PDB file of N, CA and C in Angstrom:
ATOM      1  N   MET A   1      80.799  86.324  35.134  1.00  0.00           N
ATOM      2  CA  MET A   1      80.415  87.686  34.865  1.00  0.00           C
ATOM      3  C   MET A   1      81.669  88.487  34.497  1.00  0.00           C
ATOM      4  N   PHE A   2      81.504  89.385  33.536  1.00  0.00           N
ATOM      5  CA  PHE A   2      82.568  90.271  33.102  1.00  0.00           C
ATOM      6  C   PHE A   2      82.109  91.694  33.368  1.00  0.00           C
ATOM      7  N   LYS A   3      82.933  92.518  34.005  1.00  0.00           N
ATOM      8  CA  LYS A   3      82.603  93.919  34.267  1.00  0.00           C
ATOM      9  C   LYS A   3      83.559  94.808  33.502  1.00  0.00           C
ATOM     10  N   GLY A   4      83.065  95.963  33.039  1.00  0.00           N
ATOM     11  CA  GLY A   4      83.913  96.888  32.314  1.00  0.00           C
ATOM     12  C   GLY A   4      83.363  98.297  32.357  1.00  0.00           C
ATOM     13  N   SER A   5      84.092  99.206  31.733  1.00  0.00           N
ATOM     14  CA  SER A   5      83.671 100.603  31.669  1.00  0.00           C
ATOM     15  C   SER A   5      84.333 101.266  30.470  1.00  0.00           C
ATOM     16  N   CYS A   6      83.858 102.469  30.163  1.00  0.00           N
ATOM     17  CA  CYS A   6      84.546 103.295  29.180  1.00  0.00           C
ATOM     18  C   CYS A   6      85.808 103.851  29.848  1.00  0.00           C
ATOM     19  N   LEU A   7      86.652 104.516  29.087  1.00  0.00           N
ATOM     20  CA  LEU A   7      87.914 105.006  29.628  1.00  0.00           C
ATOM     21  C   LEU A   7      87.719 106.001  30.769  1.00  0.00           C
ATOM     22  N   CYS A   8      86.732 106.898  30.650  1.00  0.00           N
ATOM     23  CA  CYS A   8      86.519 107.900  31.710  1.00  0.00           C
ATOM     24  C   CYS A   8      85.665 107.352  32.857  1.00  0.00           C
ATOM     25  N   GLU A   9      85.184 106.124  32.720  1.00  0.00           N
ATOM     26  CA  GLU A   9      84.376 105.415  33.720  1.00  0.00           C
ATOM     27  C   GLU A   9      82.983 105.991  33.930  1.00  0.00           C
ATOM     28  N   SER A  10      82.523 106.858  33.019  1.00  0.00           N
ATOM     29  CA  SER A  10      81.148 107.372  33.103  1.00  0.00           C
ATOM     30  C   SER A  10      80.136 106.259  32.880  1.00  0.00           C
ATOM     31  N   VAL A  11      80.451 105.381  31.937  1.00  0.00           N
ATOM     32  CA  VAL A  11      79.565 104.264  31.608  1.00  0.00           C
ATOM     33  C   VAL A  11      80.203 102.980  32.130  1.00  0.00           C
ATOM     34  N   GLN A  12      79.436 102.222  32.908  1.00  0.00           N
ATOM     35  CA  GLN A  12      79.913 100.941  33.417  1.00  0.00           C
ATOM     36  C   GLN A  12      78.891  99.871  33.040  1.00  0.00           C
ATOM     37  N   PHE A  13      79.379  98.663  32.847  1.00  0.00           N
ATOM     38  CA  PHE A  13      78.505  97.592  32.366  1.00  0.00           C
ATOM     39  C   PHE A  13      78.946  96.246  32.907  1.00  0.00           C
ATOM     40  N   GLU A  14      78.048  95.274  32.755  1.00  0.00           N
ATOM     41  CA  GLU A  14      78.319  93.876  33.083  1.00  0.00           C
ATOM     42  C   GLU A  14      77.842  93.012  31.930  1.00  0.00           C
ATOM     43  N   VAL A  15      78.558  91.952  31.673  1.00  0.00           N
ATOM     44  CA  VAL A  15      78.132  90.909  30.732  1.00  0.00           C
ATOM     45  C   VAL A  15      77.904  89.663  31.571  1.00  0.00           C
ATOM     46  N   ASN A  16      76.664  89.236  31.640  1.00  0.00           N
ATOM     47  CA  ASN A  16      76.283  88.102  32.500  1.00  0.00           C
ATOM     48  C   ASN A  16      76.109  86.832  31.681  1.00  0.00           C
ATOM     49  N   GLY A  17      77.198  86.314  31.159  1.00  0.00           N
ATOM     50  CA  GLY A  17      77.137  85.096  30.358  1.00  0.00           C
ATOM     51  C   GLY A  17      78.377  84.956  29.502  1.00  0.00           C
ATOM     52  N   GLU A  18      78.346  83.978  28.638  1.00  0.00           N
ATOM     53  CA  GLU A  18      79.485  83.647  27.785  1.00  0.00           C
ATOM     54  C   GLU A  18      79.471  84.453  26.490  1.00  0.00           C
ATOM     55  N   PHE A  19      80.656  84.793  26.020  1.00  0.00           N
ATOM     56  CA  PHE A  19      80.786  85.395  24.698  1.00  0.00           C
ATOM     57  C   PHE A  19      80.590  84.303  23.650  1.00  0.00           C
ATOM     58  N   ARG A  20      79.848  84.629  22.595  1.00  0.00           N
ATOM     59  CA  ARG A  20      79.651  83.666  21.503  1.00  0.00           C
ATOM     60  C   ARG A  20      80.848  83.653  20.563  1.00  0.00           C
ATOM     61  N   PHE A  21      81.540  84.784  20.493  1.00  0.00           N
ATOM     62  CA  PHE A  21      82.684  84.912  19.594  1.00  0.00           C
ATOM     63  C   PHE A  21      83.569  86.037  20.108  1.00  0.00           C
ATOM     64  N   ILE A  22      84.874  85.874  20.022  1.00  0.00           N
ATOM     65  CA  ILE A  22      85.839  86.943  20.268  1.00  0.00           C
ATOM     66  C   ILE A  22      86.856  86.869  19.141  1.00  0.00           C
ATOM     67  N   GLY A  23      87.118  88.006  18.516  1.00  0.00           N
ATOM     68  CA  GLY A  23      88.064  88.002  17.407  1.00  0.00           C
ATOM     69  C   GLY A  23      88.523  89.405  17.064  1.00  0.00           C
ATOM     70  N   ASN A  24      89.398  89.488  16.087  1.00  0.00           N
ATOM     71  CA  ASN A  24      89.943  90.760  15.625  1.00  0.00           C
ATOM     72  C   ASN A  24      89.397  91.090  14.248  1.00  0.00           C
ATOM     73  N   CYS A  25      88.989  92.342  14.073  1.00  0.00           N
ATOM     74  CA  CYS A  25      88.496  92.797  12.771  1.00  0.00           C
ATOM     75  C   CYS A  25      89.510  93.779  12.184  1.00  0.00           C
ATOM     76  N   HIS A  26      89.795  93.616  10.907  1.00  0.00           N
ATOM     77  CA  HIS A  26      90.779  94.447  10.221  1.00  0.00           C
ATOM     78  C   HIS A  26      90.129  95.354   9.177  1.00  0.00           C
ATOM     79  N   CYS A  27      88.799  95.499   9.182  1.00  0.00           N
ATOM     80  CA  CYS A  27      88.131  96.313   8.163  1.00  0.00           C
ATOM     81  C   CYS A  27      88.489  97.798   8.347  1.00  0.00           C
ATOM     82  N   LEU A  28      88.271  98.584   7.331  1.00  0.00           N
ATOM     83  CA  LEU A  28      88.619 100.001   7.346  1.00  0.00           C
ATOM     84  C   LEU A  28      87.917 100.750   8.477  1.00  0.00           C
ATOM     85  N   ILE A  29      86.639 100.465   8.693  1.00  0.00           N
ATOM     86  CA  ILE A  29      85.884 101.169   9.731  1.00  0.00           C
ATOM     87  C   ILE A  29      86.454 100.862  11.118  1.00  0.00           C
ATOM     88  N   CYS A  30      86.750  99.618  11.404  1.00  0.00           N
ATOM     89  CA  CYS A  30      87.330  99.253  12.703  1.00  0.00           C
ATOM     90  C   CYS A  30      88.705  99.870  12.884  1.00  0.00           C
ATOM     91  N   ARG A  31      89.521  99.860  11.846  1.00  0.00           N
ATOM     92  CA  ARG A  31      90.854 100.462  11.955  1.00  0.00           C
ATOM     93  C   ARG A  31      90.755 101.959  12.215  1.00  0.00           C
ATOM     94  N   LYS A  32      89.839 102.637  11.526  1.00  0.00           N
ATOM     95  CA  LYS A  32      89.679 104.076  11.734  1.00  0.00           C
ATOM     96  C   LYS A  32      89.129 104.400  13.121  1.00  0.00           C
ATOM     97  N   SER A  33      88.152 103.636  13.566  1.00  0.00           N
ATOM     98  CA  SER A  33      87.513 103.955  14.846  1.00  0.00           C
ATOM     99  C   SER A  33      88.415 103.677  16.043  1.00  0.00           C
ATOM    100  N   HIS A  34      89.408 102.803  15.876  1.00  0.00           N
ATOM    101  CA  HIS A  34      90.307 102.461  16.982  1.00  0.00           C
ATOM    102  C   HIS A  34      91.713 103.025  16.814  1.00  0.00           C
ATOM    103  N   GLY A  35      92.028 103.539  15.637  1.00  0.00           N
ATOM    104  CA  GLY A  35      93.359 104.081  15.412  1.00  0.00           C
ATOM    105  C   GLY A  35      94.445 103.021  15.487  1.00  0.00           C
ATOM    106  N   ALA A  36      94.110 101.819  15.111  1.00  0.00           N
ATOM    107  CA  ALA A  36      95.054 100.706  15.183  1.00  0.00           C
ATOM    108  C   ALA A  36      94.857  99.797  13.970  1.00  0.00           C
ATOM    109  N   ASN A  37      95.684  98.780  13.848  1.00  0.00           N
ATOM    110  CA  ASN A  37      95.601  97.861  12.715  1.00  0.00           C
ATOM    111  C   ASN A  37      94.399  96.933  12.777  1.00  0.00           C
ATOM    112  N   TYR A  38      93.805  96.795  13.959  1.00  0.00           N
ATOM    113  CA  TYR A  38      92.639  95.935  14.124  1.00  0.00           C
ATOM    114  C   TYR A  38      91.909  96.335  15.401  1.00  0.00           C
ATOM    115  N   ALA A  39      90.690  95.856  15.543  1.00  0.00           N
ATOM    116  CA  ALA A  39      89.898  96.060  16.759  1.00  0.00           C
ATOM    117  C   ALA A  39      89.455  94.696  17.268  1.00  0.00           C
ATOM    118  N   THR A  40      89.683  94.450  18.542  1.00  0.00           N
ATOM    119  CA  THR A  40      89.226  93.206  19.146  1.00  0.00           C
ATOM    120  C   THR A  40      87.783  93.391  19.578  1.00  0.00           C
ATOM    121  N   GLN A  41      86.938  92.445  19.207  1.00  0.00           N
ATOM    122  CA  GLN A  41      85.507  92.554  19.478  1.00  0.00           C
ATOM    123  C   GLN A  41      84.979  91.238  20.026  1.00  0.00           C
ATOM    124  N   GLY A  42      83.921  91.357  20.821  1.00  0.00           N
ATOM    125  CA  GLY A  42      83.250  90.181  21.348  1.00  0.00           C
ATOM    126  C   GLY A  42      81.782  90.231  20.993  1.00  0.00           C
ATOM    127  N   LEU A  43      81.200  89.094  20.715  1.00  0.00           N
ATOM    128  CA  LEU A  43      79.789  88.979  20.357  1.00  0.00           C
ATOM    129  C   LEU A  43      79.059  88.275  21.491  1.00  0.00           C
ATOM    130  N   ILE A  44      77.990  88.922  21.985  1.00  0.00           N
ATOM    131  CA  ILE A  44      77.168  88.339  23.050  1.00  0.00           C
ATOM    132  C   ILE A  44      75.704  88.442  22.656  1.00  0.00           C
ATOM    133  N   ASP A  45      74.865  87.699  23.328  1.00  0.00           N
ATOM    134  CA  ASP A  45      73.421  87.874  23.176  1.00  0.00           C
ATOM    135  C   ASP A  45      73.054  89.192  23.862  1.00  0.00           C
ATOM    136  N   PRO A  46      72.243  90.058  23.237  1.00  0.00           N
ATOM    137  CA  PRO A  46      71.931  91.368  23.801  1.00  0.00           C
ATOM    138  C   PRO A  46      71.388  91.331  25.230  1.00  0.00           C
ATOM    139  N   GLY A  47      70.655  90.309  25.587  1.00  0.00           N
ATOM    140  CA  GLY A  47      70.091  90.215  26.922  1.00  0.00           C
ATOM    141  C   GLY A  47      71.118  90.020  28.021  1.00  0.00           C
ATOM    142  N   LEU A  48      72.363  89.720  27.644  1.00  0.00           N
ATOM    143  CA  LEU A  48      73.416  89.498  28.630  1.00  0.00           C
ATOM    144  C   LEU A  48      74.112  90.783  29.061  1.00  0.00           C
ATOM    145  N   LEU A  49      73.883  91.877  28.334  1.00  0.00           N
ATOM    146  CA  LEU A  49      74.525  93.149  28.640  1.00  0.00           C
ATOM    147  C   LEU A  49      73.636  93.984  29.551  1.00  0.00           C
ATOM    148  N   VAL A  50      74.214  94.446  30.667  1.00  0.00           N
ATOM    149  CA  VAL A  50      73.500  95.315  31.604  1.00  0.00           C
ATOM    150  C   VAL A  50      74.347  96.568  31.799  1.00  0.00           C
ATOM    151  N   ILE A  51      73.776  97.742  31.491  1.00  0.00           N
ATOM    152  CA  ILE A  51      74.444  99.009  31.773  1.00  0.00           C
ATOM    153  C   ILE A  51      74.164  99.318  33.233  1.00  0.00           C
ATOM    154  N   THR A  52      75.190  99.329  34.078  1.00  0.00           N
ATOM    155  CA  THR A  52      75.003  99.515  35.517  1.00  0.00           C
ATOM    156  C   THR A  52      75.166 100.965  35.942  1.00  0.00           C
ATOM    157  N   GLN A  53      75.752 101.784  35.067  1.00  0.00           N
ATOM    158  CA  GLN A  53      75.930 103.203  35.376  1.00  0.00           C
ATOM    159  C   GLN A  53      76.129 103.968  34.079  1.00  0.00           C
ATOM    160  N   GLY A  54      75.541 105.163  33.976  1.00  0.00           N
ATOM    161  CA  GLY A  54      75.841 106.066  32.881  1.00  0.00           C
ATOM    162  C   GLY A  54      75.043 105.884  31.613  1.00  0.00           C
ATOM    163  N   GLN A  55      73.891 105.255  31.677  1.00  0.00           N
ATOM    164  CA  GLN A  55      73.050 105.083  30.481  1.00  0.00           C
ATOM    165  C   GLN A  55      72.845 106.417  29.756  1.00  0.00           C
ATOM    166  N   GLU A  56      72.672 107.489  30.532  1.00  0.00           N
ATOM    167  CA  GLU A  56      72.417 108.811  29.953  1.00  0.00           C
ATOM    168  C   GLU A  56      73.643 109.381  29.238  1.00  0.00           C
ATOM    169  N   ALA A  57      74.821 108.853  29.502  1.00  0.00           N
ATOM    170  CA  ALA A  57      76.051 109.338  28.879  1.00  0.00           C
ATOM    171  C   ALA A  57      76.347 108.637  27.553  1.00  0.00           C
ATOM    172  N   LEU A  58      75.558 107.618  27.194  1.00  0.00           N
ATOM    173  CA  LEU A  58      75.797 106.883  25.949  1.00  0.00           C
ATOM    174  C   LEU A  58      75.296 107.664  24.736  1.00  0.00           C
ATOM    175  N   ALA A  59      76.074 107.616  23.687  1.00  0.00           N
ATOM    176  CA  ALA A  59      75.692 108.154  22.385  1.00  0.00           C
ATOM    177  C   ALA A  59      76.033 107.075  21.365  1.00  0.00           C
ATOM    178  N   SER A  60      75.471 107.191  20.157  1.00  0.00           N
ATOM    179  CA  SER A  60      75.760 106.178  19.145  1.00  0.00           C
ATOM    180  C   SER A  60      75.650 106.769  17.748  1.00  0.00           C
ATOM    181  N   PHE A  61      76.185 106.029  16.793  1.00  0.00           N
ATOM    182  CA  PHE A  61      76.013 106.357  15.384  1.00  0.00           C
ATOM    183  C   PHE A  61      76.066 105.072  14.578  1.00  0.00           C
ATOM    184  N   ALA A  62      75.438 105.099  13.427  1.00  0.00           N
ATOM    185  CA  ALA A  62      75.445 103.937  12.537  1.00  0.00           C
ATOM    186  C   ALA A  62      76.716 104.011  11.694  1.00  0.00           C
ATOM    187  N   SER A  63      77.668 103.128  11.965  1.00  0.00           N
ATOM    188  CA  SER A  63      78.936 103.140  11.232  1.00  0.00           C
ATOM    189  C   SER A  63      78.828 102.418   9.896  1.00  0.00           C
ATOM    190  N   SER A  64      77.776 101.640   9.727  1.00  0.00           N
ATOM    191  CA  SER A  64      77.503 100.959   8.465  1.00  0.00           C
ATOM    192  C   SER A  64      76.041 100.530   8.484  1.00  0.00           C
ATOM    193  N   ALA A  65      75.623  99.873   7.441  1.00  0.00           N
ATOM    194  CA  ALA A  65      74.234  99.402   7.385  1.00  0.00           C
ATOM    195  C   ALA A  65      73.949  98.331   8.430  1.00  0.00           C
ATOM    196  N   HIS A  66      74.996  97.712   8.978  1.00  0.00           N
ATOM    197  CA  HIS A  66      74.820  96.578   9.885  1.00  0.00           C
ATOM    198  C   HIS A  66      75.210  96.852  11.335  1.00  0.00           C
ATOM    199  N   TYR A  67      75.926  97.955  11.592  1.00  0.00           N
ATOM    200  CA  TYR A  67      76.468  98.156  12.931  1.00  0.00           C
ATOM    201  C   TYR A  67      76.145  99.526  13.502  1.00  0.00           C
ATOM    202  N   GLN A  68      75.818  99.529  14.770  1.00  0.00           N
ATOM    203  CA  GLN A  68      75.618 100.732  15.553  1.00  0.00           C
ATOM    204  C   GLN A  68      76.762 100.775  16.561  1.00  0.00           C
ATOM    205  N   ARG A  69      77.516 101.861  16.597  1.00  0.00           N
ATOM    206  CA  ARG A  69      78.632 101.983  17.531  1.00  0.00           C
ATOM    207  C   ARG A  69      78.230 102.902  18.676  1.00  0.00           C
ATOM    208  N   PHE A  70      78.518 102.479  19.891  1.00  0.00           N
ATOM    209  CA  PHE A  70      78.180 103.241  21.083  1.00  0.00           C
ATOM    210  C   PHE A  70      79.440 103.752  21.744  1.00  0.00           C
ATOM    211  N   PHE A  71      79.340 104.930  22.346  1.00  0.00           N
ATOM    212  CA  PHE A  71      80.467 105.519  23.041  1.00  0.00           C
ATOM    213  C   PHE A  71      79.935 106.475  24.100  1.00  0.00           C
ATOM    214  N   CYS A  72      80.798 106.828  25.058  1.00  0.00           N
ATOM    215  CA  CYS A  72      80.379 107.798  26.072  1.00  0.00           C
ATOM    216  C   CYS A  72      80.578 109.202  25.506  1.00  0.00           C
ATOM    217  N   GLN A  73      79.735 110.099  25.947  1.00  0.00           N
ATOM    218  CA  GLN A  73      79.825 111.477  25.462  1.00  0.00           C
ATOM    219  C   GLN A  73      80.923 112.224  26.169  1.00  0.00           C
TER     220      GLN A  73
END
């Protein structure tokens, strides 16, 4: 199990299983959203993610036709 949170700790989560992929993305959207040369990302099956605190604090936007980005408000 992997546990994590947003920076302010309003939203906390668990990943109950293995990551299918972990890698770095260098696309323009990832660089802009992270303010860095790349963003490290992990791919999991959606059923493995459990929001344990702060569901109401989550907001999102469609950063492209394929991706929805979530963040704490």
